[in-house]
PDB file of all heavy atoms in Angstrom:
ATOM      1  N   HIS A   1       0.823  -1.203   0.007  1.00  0.00           N
ATOM      2  CA  HIS A   1      -0.005  -0.001   0.011  1.00  0.00           C
ATOM      3  C   HIS A   1       0.863   1.245   0.017  1.00  0.00           C
ATOM      4  O   HIS A   1       1.993   1.278   0.532  1.00  0.00           O
ATOM      5  CB  HIS A   1      -0.928   0.065   1.221  1.00  0.00           C
ATOM      6  CG  HIS A   1      -2.100  -0.868   1.160  1.00  0.00           C
ATOM      7  ND1 HIS A   1      -1.962  -2.235   0.974  1.00  0.00           N
ATOM      8  CD2 HIS A   1      -3.459  -0.611   1.247  1.00  0.00           C
ATOM      9  CE1 HIS A   1      -3.169  -2.809   0.952  1.00  0.00           C
ATOM     10  NE2 HIS A   1      -4.070  -1.821   1.147  1.00  0.00           N
ATOM     11  N   GLY A   2       0.263   2.317  -0.553  1.00  0.00           N
ATOM     12  CA  GLY A   2       0.860   3.645  -0.376  1.00  0.00           C
ATOM     13  C   GLY A   2       0.311   4.259   0.936  1.00  0.00           C
ATOM     14  O   GLY A   2      -0.346   3.608   1.720  1.00  0.00           O
ATOM     15  N   VAL A   3       0.632   5.583   1.117  1.00  0.00           N
ATOM     16  CA  VAL A   3       0.213   6.239   2.296  1.00  0.00           C
ATOM     17  C   VAL A   3      -0.580   7.522   1.898  1.00  0.00           C
ATOM     18  O   VAL A   3      -0.127   8.254   1.043  1.00  0.00           O
ATOM     19  CB  VAL A   3       1.416   6.653   3.184  1.00  0.00           C
ATOM     20  CG1 VAL A   3       0.956   7.448   4.415  1.00  0.00           C
ATOM     21  CG2 VAL A   3       2.202   5.436   3.610  1.00  0.00           C
ATOM     22  N   LYS A   4      -1.735   7.690   2.485  1.00  0.00           N
ATOM     23  CA  LYS A   4      -2.570   8.866   2.180  1.00  0.00           C
ATOM     24  C   LYS A   4      -1.750  10.154   2.433  1.00  0.00           C
ATOM     25  O   LYS A   4      -1.122  10.308   3.441  1.00  0.00           O
ATOM     26  CB  LYS A   4      -3.821   8.885   3.005  1.00  0.00           C
ATOM     27  CG  LYS A   4      -4.781  10.011   2.742  1.00  0.00           C
ATOM     28  CD  LYS A   4      -6.037   9.976   3.603  1.00  0.00           C
ATOM     29  CE  LYS A   4      -6.985  11.111   3.273  1.00  0.00           C
ATOM     30  NZ  LYS A   4      -8.198  11.092   4.113  1.00  0.00           N
ATOM     31  N   GLY A   5      -1.797  11.027   1.431  1.00  0.00           N
ATOM     32  CA  GLY A   5      -1.064  12.303   1.530  1.00  0.00           C
ATOM     33  C   GLY A   5       0.359  12.237   1.023  1.00  0.00           C
ATOM     34  O   GLY A   5       1.030  13.247   0.900  1.00  0.00           O
ATOM     35  N   ARG A   6       0.861  11.018   0.714  1.00  0.00           N
ATOM     36  CA  ARG A   6       2.176  10.861   0.161  1.00  0.00           C
ATOM     37  C   ARG A   6       2.001  10.422  -1.317  1.00  0.00           C
ATOM     38  O   ARG A   6       1.652   9.325  -1.633  1.00  0.00           O
ATOM     39  CB  ARG A   6       2.945   9.800   0.894  1.00  0.00           C
ATOM     40  CG  ARG A   6       4.391   9.649   0.421  1.00  0.00           C
ATOM     41  CD  ARG A   6       5.147   8.487   1.032  1.00  0.00           C
ATOM     42  NE  ARG A   6       4.684   7.211   0.528  1.00  0.00           N
ATOM     43  CZ  ARG A   6       5.261   6.033   0.739  1.00  0.00           C
ATOM     44  NH1 ARG A   6       6.292   5.930   1.533  1.00  0.00           N
ATOM     45  NH2 ARG A   6       4.801   4.898   0.187  1.00  0.00           N
ATOM     46  N   MET A   7       2.340  11.356  -2.250  1.00  0.00           N
ATOM     47  CA  MET A   7       2.169  11.080  -3.673  1.00  0.00           C
ATOM     48  C   MET A   7       3.251  10.071  -4.081  1.00  0.00           C
ATOM     49  O   MET A   7       4.395  10.057  -3.508  1.00  0.00           O
ATOM     50  CB  MET A   7       2.303  12.364  -4.458  1.00  0.00           C
ATOM     51  CG  MET A   7       1.885  12.283  -5.913  1.00  0.00           C
ATOM     52  SD  MET A   7       0.133  11.977  -6.084  1.00  0.00           S
ATOM     53  CE  MET A   7      -0.155  12.384  -7.834  1.00  0.00           C
ATOM     54  N   GLU A   8       2.930   9.262  -5.071  1.00  0.00           N
ATOM     55  CA  GLU A   8       3.914   8.271  -5.590  1.00  0.00           C
ATOM     56  C   GLU A   8       3.974   8.387  -7.117  1.00  0.00           C
ATOM     57  O   GLU A   8       2.949   8.757  -7.744  1.00  0.00           O
ATOM     58  CB  GLU A   8       3.520   6.855  -5.245  1.00  0.00           C
ATOM     59  CG  GLU A   8       3.634   6.530  -3.775  1.00  0.00           C
ATOM     60  CD  GLU A   8       3.475   5.016  -3.563  1.00  0.00           C
ATOM     61  OE1 GLU A   8       3.575   4.254  -4.497  1.00  0.00           O
ATOM     62  OE2 GLU A   8       3.206   4.615  -2.427  1.00  0.00           O
ATOM     63  N   PRO A   9       5.081   7.990  -7.745  1.00  0.00           N
ATOM     64  CA  PRO A   9       5.128   8.004  -9.225  1.00  0.00           C
ATOM     65  C   PRO A   9       4.089   7.073  -9.831  1.00  0.00           C
ATOM     66  O   PRO A   9       3.700   7.297 -10.982  1.00  0.00           O
ATOM     67  CB  PRO A   9       6.568   7.542  -9.514  1.00  0.00           C
ATOM     68  CG  PRO A   9       7.096   6.902  -8.251  1.00  0.00           C
ATOM     69  CD  PRO A   9       6.402   7.629  -7.161  1.00  0.00           C
ATOM     70  N   ALA A  10       3.649   6.039  -9.100  1.00  0.00           N
ATOM     71  CA  ALA A  10       2.602   5.144  -9.609  1.00  0.00           C
ATOM     72  C   ALA A  10       1.292   5.910  -9.890  1.00  0.00           C
ATOM     73  O   ALA A  10       0.432   5.395 -10.600  1.00  0.00           O
ATOM     74  CB  ALA A  10       2.333   4.032  -8.624  1.00  0.00           C
ATOM     75  N   GLU A  11       1.177   7.101  -9.344  1.00  0.00           N
ATOM     76  CA  GLU A  11      -0.044   7.869  -9.468  1.00  0.00           C
ATOM     77  C   GLU A  11      -0.001   8.931 -10.583  1.00  0.00           C
ATOM     78  O   GLU A  11      -0.855   9.798 -10.688  1.00  0.00           O
ATOM     79  CB  GLU A  11      -0.428   8.547  -8.171  1.00  0.00           C
ATOM     80  CG  GLU A  11      -0.648   7.549  -7.023  1.00  0.00           C
ATOM     81  CD  GLU A  11      -0.916   8.240  -5.701  1.00  0.00           C
ATOM     82  OE1 GLU A  11       0.074   8.596  -5.030  1.00  0.00           O
ATOM     83  OE2 GLU A  11      -2.083   8.383  -5.350  1.00  0.00           O
ATOM     84  N   ILE A  12       0.992   8.845 -11.463  1.00  0.00           N
ATOM     85  CA  ILE A  12       1.104   9.803 -12.549  1.00  0.00           C
ATOM     86  C   ILE A  12      -0.105   9.750 -13.456  1.00  0.00           C
ATOM     87  O   ILE A  12      -0.537  10.713 -14.049  1.00  0.00           O
ATOM     88  CB  ILE A  12       2.386   9.535 -13.374  1.00  0.00           C
ATOM     89  CG1 ILE A  12       2.622  10.629 -14.406  1.00  0.00           C
ATOM     90  CG2 ILE A  12       2.391   8.196 -14.037  1.00  0.00           C
ATOM     91  CD1 ILE A  12       3.000  11.957 -13.791  1.00  0.00           C
ATOM     92  N   GLY A  13      -0.710   8.579 -13.530  1.00  0.00           N
ATOM     93  CA  GLY A  13      -1.943   8.422 -14.310  1.00  0.00           C
ATOM     94  C   GLY A  13      -3.104   9.267 -13.823  1.00  0.00           C
ATOM     95  O   GLY A  13      -3.956   9.671 -14.616  1.00  0.00           O
ATOM     96  N   LEU A  14      -3.128   9.580 -12.524  1.00  0.00           N
ATOM     97  CA  LEU A  14      -4.157  10.463 -12.006  1.00  0.00           C
ATOM     98  C   LEU A  14      -4.013  11.850 -12.507  1.00  0.00           C
ATOM     99  O   LEU A  14      -4.937  12.529 -12.897  1.00  0.00           O
ATOM    100  CB  LEU A  14      -4.114  10.439 -10.448  1.00  0.00           C
ATOM    101  CG  LEU A  14      -4.306   9.138  -9.775  1.00  0.00           C
ATOM    102  CD1 LEU A  14      -4.269   9.353  -8.226  1.00  0.00           C
ATOM    103  CD2 LEU A  14      -5.683   8.568 -10.140  1.00  0.00           C
ATOM    104  N   VAL A  15      -2.712  12.314 -12.561  1.00  0.00           N
ATOM    105  CA  VAL A  15      -2.464  13.636 -13.097  1.00  0.00           C
ATOM    106  C   VAL A  15      -2.845  13.666 -14.586  1.00  0.00           C
ATOM    107  O   VAL A  15      -3.489  14.644 -15.074  1.00  0.00           O
ATOM    108  CB  VAL A  15      -0.951  13.990 -12.917  1.00  0.00           C
ATOM    109  CG1 VAL A  15      -0.657  15.390 -13.552  1.00  0.00           C
ATOM    110  CG2 VAL A  15      -0.575  13.993 -11.447  1.00  0.00           C
ATOM    111  N   ALA A  16      -2.495  12.594 -15.323  1.00  0.00           N
ATOM    112  CA  ALA A  16      -2.816  12.549 -16.734  1.00  0.00           C
ATOM    113  C   ALA A  16      -4.312  12.580 -16.924  1.00  0.00           C
ATOM    114  O   ALA A  16      -4.846  13.254 -17.864  1.00  0.00           O
ATOM    115  CB  ALA A  16      -2.219  11.258 -17.342  1.00  0.00           C
ATOM    116  N   HIS A  17      -5.076  11.879 -16.105  1.00  0.00           N
ATOM    117  CA  HIS A  17      -6.498  11.821 -16.218  1.00  0.00           C
ATOM    118  C   HIS A  17      -7.109  13.202 -15.982  1.00  0.00           C
ATOM    119  O   HIS A  17      -8.020  13.637 -16.758  1.00  0.00           O
ATOM    120  CB  HIS A  17      -7.092  10.846 -15.212  1.00  0.00           C
ATOM    121  CG  HIS A  17      -8.487  10.460 -15.437  1.00  0.00           C
ATOM    122  ND1 HIS A  17      -9.586  11.249 -14.949  1.00  0.00           N
ATOM    123  CD2 HIS A  17      -9.062   9.448 -16.110  1.00  0.00           C
ATOM    124  CE1 HIS A  17     -10.688  10.689 -15.320  1.00  0.00           C
ATOM    125  NE2 HIS A  17     -10.478   9.565 -16.016  1.00  0.00           N
ATOM    126  N   VAL A  18      -6.671  13.925 -14.985  1.00  0.00           N
ATOM    127  CA  VAL A  18      -7.209  15.239 -14.680  1.00  0.00           C
ATOM    128  C   VAL A  18      -6.910  16.196 -15.845  1.00  0.00           C
ATOM    129  O   VAL A  18      -7.816  16.944 -16.305  1.00  0.00           O
ATOM    130  CB  VAL A  18      -6.608  15.817 -13.399  1.00  0.00           C
ATOM    131  CG1 VAL A  18      -7.005  17.322 -13.205  1.00  0.00           C
ATOM    132  CG2 VAL A  18      -7.060  14.987 -12.188  1.00  0.00           C
ATOM    133  N   VAL A  19      -5.681  16.145 -16.323  1.00  0.00           N
ATOM    134  CA  VAL A  19      -5.304  17.074 -17.427  1.00  0.00           C
ATOM    135  C   VAL A  19      -6.103  16.738 -18.680  1.00  0.00           C
ATOM    136  O   VAL A  19      -6.615  17.617 -19.381  1.00  0.00           O
ATOM    137  CB  VAL A  19      -3.778  17.010 -17.680  1.00  0.00           C
ATOM    138  CG1 VAL A  19      -3.431  17.838 -18.932  1.00  0.00           C
ATOM    139  CG2 VAL A  19      -2.992  17.528 -16.488  1.00  0.00           C
ATOM    140  N   ALA A  20      -6.243  15.437 -18.985  1.00  0.00           N
ATOM    141  CA  ALA A  20      -6.991  15.013 -20.189  1.00  0.00           C
ATOM    142  C   ALA A  20      -8.452  15.447 -20.091  1.00  0.00           C
ATOM    143  O   ALA A  20      -9.027  16.001 -21.053  1.00  0.00           O
ATOM    144  CB  ALA A  20      -6.917  13.523 -20.341  1.00  0.00           C
ATOM    145  N   ARG A  21      -9.072  15.216 -18.933  1.00  0.00           N
ATOM    146  CA  ARG A  21     -10.472  15.603 -18.755  1.00  0.00           C
ATOM    147  C   ARG A  21     -10.613  17.140 -18.916  1.00  0.00           C
ATOM    148  O   ARG A  21     -11.623  17.633 -19.506  1.00  0.00           O
ATOM    149  CB  ARG A  21     -10.972  15.149 -17.388  1.00  0.00           C
ATOM    150  CG  ARG A  21     -11.269  13.690 -17.271  1.00  0.00           C
ATOM    151  CD  ARG A  21     -12.644  13.354 -17.869  1.00  0.00           C
ATOM    152  NE  ARG A  21     -13.679  14.106 -17.239  1.00  0.00           N
ATOM    153  CZ  ARG A  21     -14.368  13.667 -16.122  1.00  0.00           C
ATOM    154  NH1 ARG A  21     -14.043  12.521 -15.552  1.00  0.00           N
ATOM    155  NH2 ARG A  21     -15.355  14.400 -15.641  1.00  0.00           N
ATOM    156  N   THR A  22      -9.686  17.849 -18.333  1.00  0.00           N
ATOM    157  CA  THR A  22      -9.726  19.336 -18.372  1.00  0.00           C
ATOM    158  C   THR A  22      -9.617  19.826 -19.816  1.00  0.00           C
ATOM    159  O   THR A  22     -10.292  20.791 -20.205  1.00  0.00           O
ATOM    160  CB  THR A  22      -8.573  19.922 -17.534  1.00  0.00           C
ATOM    161  OG1 THR A  22      -8.710  19.538 -16.168  1.00  0.00           O
ATOM    162  CG2 THR A  22      -8.587  21.427 -17.638  1.00  0.00           C
ATOM    163  N   ARG A  23      -8.852  19.124 -20.614  1.00  0.00           N
ATOM    164  CA  ARG A  23      -8.610  19.502 -22.000  1.00  0.00           C
ATOM    165  C   ARG A  23      -9.594  18.897 -22.986  1.00  0.00           C
ATOM    166  O   ARG A  23      -9.534  19.158 -24.185  1.00  0.00           O
ATOM    167  CB  ARG A  23      -7.166  19.177 -22.416  1.00  0.00           C
ATOM    168  CG  ARG A  23      -6.137  19.948 -21.605  1.00  0.00           C
ATOM    169  CD  ARG A  23      -4.714  19.377 -21.903  1.00  0.00           C
ATOM    170  NE  ARG A  23      -4.278  19.685 -23.222  1.00  0.00           N
ATOM    171  CZ  ARG A  23      -3.470  20.644 -23.601  1.00  0.00           C
ATOM    172  NH1 ARG A  23      -2.983  21.441 -22.671  1.00  0.00           N
ATOM    173  NH2 ARG A  23      -3.133  20.840 -24.859  1.00  0.00           N
ATOM    174  N   GLY A  24     -10.507  18.054 -22.480  1.00  0.00           N
ATOM    175  CA  GLY A  24     -11.486  17.431 -23.329  1.00  0.00           C
ATOM    176  C   GLY A  24     -10.936  16.398 -24.295  1.00  0.00           C
ATOM    177  O   GLY A  24     -11.419  16.328 -25.420  1.00  0.00           O
ATOM    178  N   MET A  25     -10.015  15.597 -23.847  1.00  0.00           N
ATOM    179  CA  MET A  25      -9.459  14.545 -24.729  1.00  0.00           C
ATOM    180  C   MET A  25      -9.280  13.228 -23.934  1.00  0.00           C
ATOM    181  O   MET A  25      -9.359  13.195 -22.717  1.00  0.00           O
ATOM    182  CB  MET A  25      -8.105  15.028 -25.246  1.00  0.00           C
ATOM    183  CG  MET A  25      -7.062  15.310 -24.177  1.00  0.00           C
ATOM    184  SD  MET A  25      -5.550  16.086 -24.853  1.00  0.00           S
ATOM    185  CE  MET A  25      -4.945  14.916 -26.018  1.00  0.00           C
ATOM    186  N   ALA A  26      -9.087  12.147 -24.664  1.00  0.00           N
ATOM    187  CA  ALA A  26      -8.886  10.871 -24.023  1.00  0.00           C
ATOM    188  C   ALA A  26      -7.533  10.810 -23.309  1.00  0.00           C
ATOM    189  O   ALA A  26      -6.538  11.368 -23.809  1.00  0.00           O
ATOM    190  CB  ALA A  26      -8.929   9.773 -25.112  1.00  0.00           C
ATOM    191  N   VAL A  27      -7.534  10.173 -22.166  1.00  0.00           N
ATOM    192  CA  VAL A  27      -6.283  10.093 -21.401  1.00  0.00           C
ATOM    193  C   VAL A  27      -5.223   9.315 -22.179  1.00  0.00           C
ATOM    194  O   VAL A  27      -4.054   9.634 -22.071  1.00  0.00           O
ATOM    195  CB  VAL A  27      -6.558   9.453 -19.975  1.00  0.00           C
ATOM    196  CG1 VAL A  27      -6.984   8.043 -20.109  1.00  0.00           C
ATOM    197  CG2 VAL A  27      -5.294   9.577 -19.129  1.00  0.00           C
ATOM    198  N   GLU A  28      -5.629   8.369 -22.968  1.00  0.00           N
ATOM    199  CA  GLU A  28      -4.691   7.599 -23.790  1.00  0.00           C
ATOM    200  C   GLU A  28      -3.986   8.485 -24.800  1.00  0.00           C
ATOM    201  O   GLU A  28      -2.774   8.352 -25.004  1.00  0.00           O
ATOM    202  CB  GLU A  28      -5.398   6.419 -24.469  1.00  0.00           C
ATOM    203  CG  GLU A  28      -5.925   5.312 -23.566  1.00  0.00           C
ATOM    204  CD  GLU A  28      -7.299   5.667 -22.941  1.00  0.00           C
ATOM    205  OE1 GLU A  28      -7.855   6.743 -23.279  1.00  0.00           O
ATOM    206  OE2 GLU A  28      -7.809   4.846 -22.182  1.00  0.00           O
ATOM    207  N   GLU A  29      -4.750   9.331 -25.395  1.00  0.00           N
ATOM    208  CA  GLU A  29      -4.213  10.263 -26.385  1.00  0.00           C
ATOM    209  C   GLU A  29      -3.229  11.206 -25.740  1.00  0.00           C
ATOM    210  O   GLU A  29      -2.150  11.537 -26.258  1.00  0.00           O
ATOM    211  CB  GLU A  29      -5.346  11.049 -27.108  1.00  0.00           C
ATOM    212  CG  GLU A  29      -4.849  12.012 -28.114  1.00  0.00           C
ATOM    213  CD  GLU A  29      -5.981  12.922 -28.701  1.00  0.00           C
ATOM    214  OE1 GLU A  29      -7.142  12.712 -28.273  1.00  0.00           O
ATOM    215  OE2 GLU A  29      -5.707  13.772 -29.519  1.00  0.00           O
ATOM    216  N   LEU A  30      -3.626  11.766 -24.597  1.00  0.00           N
ATOM    217  CA  LEU A  30      -2.736  12.685 -23.896  1.00  0.00           C
ATOM    218  C   LEU A  30      -1.456  12.021 -23.429  1.00  0.00           C
ATOM    219  O   LEU A  30      -0.344  12.573 -23.601  1.00  0.00           O
ATOM    220  CB  LEU A  30      -3.442  13.283 -22.696  1.00  0.00           C
ATOM    221  CG  LEU A  30      -2.608  14.303 -21.936  1.00  0.00           C
ATOM    222  CD1 LEU A  30      -3.227  15.671 -21.891  1.00  0.00           C
ATOM    223  CD2 LEU A  30      -2.358  13.832 -20.481  1.00  0.00           C
ATOM    224  N   ALA A  31      -1.572  10.824 -22.854  1.00  0.00           N
ATOM    225  CA  ALA A  31      -0.396  10.087 -22.381  1.00  0.00           C
ATOM    226  C   ALA A  31       0.572   9.816 -23.504  1.00  0.00           C
ATOM    227  O   ALA A  31       1.799   9.920 -23.344  1.00  0.00           O
ATOM    228  CB  ALA A  31      -0.827   8.768 -21.711  1.00  0.00           C
TER     229      ALA A  31
END
């Protein structure tokens, strides 16, 4: 497990998802 409040590189997909949704595109395309 990770720890709440401690970001990990495994969570880069979350950043990608937020940015993709914000820009109105598929996360796969953005990644």
